[in-house]
Amino acid sequence: MKKDLRISELNDIYGELLTSRQREILQNYYDYDLSLSEIAENMGISRQGARDAIVKASEQLSFYEEVVGYADKKQRTESCVADALDFLDRGDIESAKSVLDGLLKSIQE
């Protein structure tokens, strides 16, 4: 199973909407890099049960992000601020102002 590390970020954001068991399984897999076998042994479930729990919880987190979009908004905001700082470092105040104006408009929508 290929790891989508974005799930770890989504678990940090939306994890409270999952069961504590789902959160723990995702944390073990993504944050602590445990194998499916190790998770299964620690949680008292089968390897397939661990895999199924990861897939189901990941799908739920992806759905929450699709509906709410917080992680994408956060990423866009961070990118805009980095761009504005880069413009300021180069002394291009007008471009920095333009980027920040655009960010402010997107936040207000």
C-alpha atoms as a PDB file:
ATOM      1  CA  MET A   1       0.000   0.000   0.000  1.00  0.00           C
ATOM      2  CA  LYS A   2       1.486   3.327  -1.068  1.00  0.00           C
ATOM      3  CA  LYS A   3       1.522   6.017   1.622  1.00  0.00           C
ATOM      4  CA  ASP A   4      -0.148   9.332   0.901  1.00  0.00           C
ATOM      5  CA  LEU A   5       1.572  11.562   3.440  1.00  0.00           C
ATOM      6  CA  ARG A   6      -1.126  14.203   3.004  1.00  0.00           C
ATOM      7  CA  ILE A   7      -3.345  11.908   5.076  1.00  0.00           C
ATOM      8  CA  SER A   8      -1.119  12.616   8.085  1.00  0.00           C
ATOM      9  CA  GLU A   9      -1.786  16.347   7.662  1.00  0.00           C
ATOM     10  CA  LEU A  10      -5.513  15.733   7.221  1.00  0.00           C
ATOM     11  CA  ASN A  11      -5.485  13.561  10.344  1.00  0.00           C
ATOM     12  CA  ASP A  12      -3.990  16.493  12.268  1.00  0.00           C
ATOM     13  CA  ILE A  13      -6.738  18.778  10.972  1.00  0.00           C
ATOM     14  CA  TYR A  14      -9.821  16.546  10.918  1.00  0.00           C
ATOM     15  CA  GLY A  15      -8.750  13.636  13.117  1.00  0.00           C
ATOM     16  CA  GLU A  16     -11.165  14.536  15.895  1.00  0.00           C
ATOM     17  CA  LEU A  17     -13.987  13.637  13.497  1.00  0.00           C
ATOM     18  CA  LEU A  18     -12.719  10.043  13.369  1.00  0.00           C
ATOM     19  CA  THR A  19     -12.971   7.473  16.116  1.00  0.00           C
ATOM     20  CA  SER A  20     -10.038   7.379  18.518  1.00  0.00           C
ATOM     21  CA  ARG A  21      -9.146   3.942  17.136  1.00  0.00           C
ATOM     22  CA  GLN A  22      -9.066   5.229  13.541  1.00  0.00           C
ATOM     23  CA  ARG A  23      -6.900   8.191  14.605  1.00  0.00           C
ATOM     24  CA  GLU A  24      -4.521   5.885  16.433  1.00  0.00           C
ATOM     25  CA  ILE A  25      -4.203   3.498  13.488  1.00  0.00           C
ATOM     26  CA  LEU A  26      -3.501   6.381  11.083  1.00  0.00           C
ATOM     27  CA  GLN A  27      -0.982   7.885  13.480  1.00  0.00           C
ATOM     28  CA  ASN A  28       0.805   4.572  13.822  1.00  0.00           C
ATOM     29  CA  TYR A  29       0.941   4.120  10.062  1.00  0.00           C
ATOM     30  CA  TYR A  30       1.768   7.638   8.885  1.00  0.00           C
ATOM     31  CA  ASP A  31       3.458   9.357  11.821  1.00  0.00           C
ATOM     32  CA  TYR A  32       5.255   6.436  13.487  1.00  0.00           C
ATOM     33  CA  ASP A  33       5.845   4.491  10.252  1.00  0.00           C
ATOM     34  CA  LEU A  34       4.661   1.167  11.671  1.00  0.00           C
ATOM     35  CA  SER A  35       3.934  -1.636   9.245  1.00  0.00           C
ATOM     36  CA  LEU A  36       0.474  -3.096   8.798  1.00  0.00           C
ATOM     37  CA  SER A  37       1.639  -6.198  10.673  1.00  0.00           C
ATOM     38  CA  GLU A  38       2.922  -4.127  13.601  1.00  0.00           C
ATOM     39  CA  ILE A  39      -0.300  -2.135  13.764  1.00  0.00           C
ATOM     40  CA  ALA A  40      -2.354  -5.316  13.601  1.00  0.00           C
ATOM     41  CA  GLU A  41      -0.397  -6.867  16.457  1.00  0.00           C
ATOM     42  CA  ASN A  42      -0.580  -3.716  18.621  1.00  0.00           C
ATOM     43  CA  MET A  43      -4.296  -3.212  18.007  1.00  0.00           C
ATOM     44  CA  GLY A  44      -5.323  -6.870  18.238  1.00  0.00           C
ATOM     45  CA  ILE A  45      -6.692  -7.027  14.696  1.00  0.00           C
ATOM     46  CA  SER A  46      -5.710  -8.757  11.481  1.00  0.00           C
ATOM     47  CA  ARG A  47      -3.303  -7.228   8.992  1.00  0.00           C
ATOM     48  CA  GLN A  48      -6.218  -6.897   6.560  1.00  0.00           C
ATOM     49  CA  GLY A  49      -8.253  -5.198   9.300  1.00  0.00           C
ATOM     50  CA  ALA A  50      -5.463  -2.668   9.794  1.00  0.00           C
ATOM     51  CA  ARG A  51      -5.307  -2.015   6.049  1.00  0.00           C
ATOM     52  CA  ASP A  52      -9.096  -1.671   5.782  1.00  0.00           C
ATOM     53  CA  ALA A  53      -9.157   0.762   8.735  1.00  0.00           C
ATOM     54  CA  ILE A  54      -6.450   2.912   7.102  1.00  0.00           C
ATOM     55  CA  VAL A  55      -8.263   2.959   3.764  1.00  0.00           C
ATOM     56  CA  LYS A  56     -11.639   3.789   5.320  1.00  0.00           C
ATOM     57  CA  ALA A  57     -10.274   6.509   7.627  1.00  0.00           C
ATOM     58  CA  SER A  58      -8.237   8.001   4.770  1.00  0.00           C
ATOM     59  CA  GLU A  59     -11.340   8.154   2.597  1.00  0.00           C
ATOM     60  CA  GLN A  60     -13.239   9.904   5.392  1.00  0.00           C
ATOM     61  CA  LEU A  61     -10.477  12.470   5.861  1.00  0.00           C
ATOM     62  CA  SER A  62     -10.322  13.102   2.121  1.00  0.00           C
ATOM     63  CA  PHE A  63     -14.098  13.619   2.088  1.00  0.00           C
ATOM     64  CA  TYR A  64     -13.874  16.125   4.951  1.00  0.00           C
ATOM     65  CA  GLU A  65     -11.166  18.034   3.092  1.00  0.00           C
ATOM     66  CA  GLU A  66     -13.243  17.975  -0.098  1.00  0.00           C
ATOM     67  CA  VAL A  67     -16.182  19.505   1.770  1.00  0.00           C
ATOM     68  CA  VAL A  68     -14.332  21.955   4.029  1.00  0.00           C
ATOM     69  CA  GLY A  69     -11.108  22.587   2.115  1.00  0.00           C
ATOM     70  CA  TYR A  70      -9.137  23.823   5.112  1.00  0.00           C
ATOM     71  CA  ALA A  71      -5.820  22.146   4.194  1.00  0.00           C
ATOM     72  CA  ASP A  72      -5.928  23.535   0.658  1.00  0.00           C
ATOM     73  CA  LYS A  73      -6.781  27.027   1.919  1.00  0.00           C
ATOM     74  CA  LYS A  74      -3.968  26.823   4.453  1.00  0.00           C
ATOM     75  CA  GLN A  75      -1.507  25.754   1.769  1.00  0.00           C
ATOM     76  CA  ARG A  76      -2.596  28.573  -0.580  1.00  0.00           C
ATOM     77  CA  THR A  77      -2.332  31.117   2.239  1.00  0.00           C
ATOM     78  CA  GLU A  78       1.164  29.942   3.174  1.00  0.00           C
ATOM     79  CA  SER A  79       2.215  30.108  -0.468  1.00  0.00           C
ATOM     80  CA  CYS A  80       0.883  33.655  -0.887  1.00  0.00           C
ATOM     81  CA  VAL A  81       2.611  34.855   2.276  1.00  0.00           C
ATOM     82  CA  ALA A  82       5.890  33.264   1.125  1.00  0.00           C
ATOM     83  CA  ASP A  83       5.520  34.963  -2.259  1.00  0.00           C
ATOM     84  CA  ALA A  84       4.812  38.319  -0.612  1.00  0.00           C
ATOM     85  CA  LEU A  85       7.859  37.956   1.639  1.00  0.00           C
ATOM     86  CA  ASP A  86       9.977  37.085  -1.380  1.00  0.00           C
ATOM     87  CA  PHE A  87       8.784  40.223  -3.169  1.00  0.00           C
ATOM     88  CA  LEU A  88       9.530  42.294  -0.070  1.00  0.00           C
ATOM     89  CA  ASP A  89      13.030  40.814   0.179  1.00  0.00           C
ATOM     90  CA  ARG A  90      13.604  41.971  -3.390  1.00  0.00           C
ATOM     91  CA  GLY A  91      12.194  45.414  -2.636  1.00  0.00           C
ATOM     92  CA  ASP A  92       9.134  44.925  -4.864  1.00  0.00           C
ATOM     93  CA  ILE A  93       6.528  46.405  -2.553  1.00  0.00           C
ATOM     94  CA  GLU A  94       3.832  46.755  -5.213  1.00  0.00           C
ATOM     95  CA  SER A  95       3.960  43.059  -6.126  1.00  0.00           C
ATOM     96  CA  ALA A  96       3.908  42.089  -2.430  1.00  0.00           C
ATOM     97  CA  LYS A  97       0.906  44.353  -1.907  1.00  0.00           C
ATOM     98  CA  SER A  98      -0.843  42.816  -4.909  1.00  0.00           C
ATOM     99  CA  VAL A  99      -0.287  39.265  -3.611  1.00  0.00           C
ATOM    100  CA  LEU A 100      -1.542  40.219  -0.147  1.00  0.00           C
ATOM    101  CA  ASP A 101      -4.565  42.032  -1.587  1.00  0.00           C
ATOM    102  CA  GLY A 102      -5.421  38.880  -3.542  1.00  0.00           C
ATOM    103  CA  LEU A 103      -5.010  36.782  -0.417  1.00  0.00           C
ATOM    104  CA  LEU A 104      -7.257  39.093   1.576  1.00  0.00           C
ATOM    105  CA  LYS A 105      -9.975  38.928  -1.109  1.00  0.00           C
ATOM    106  CA  SER A 106      -9.843  35.127  -1.167  1.00  0.00           C
ATOM    107  CA  ILE A 107     -10.118  34.988   2.629  1.00  0.00           C
ATOM    108  CA  GLN A 108     -13.138  37.302   2.601  1.00  0.00           C
ATOM    109  CA  GLU A 109     -15.017  35.164   0.055  1.00  0.00           C
END
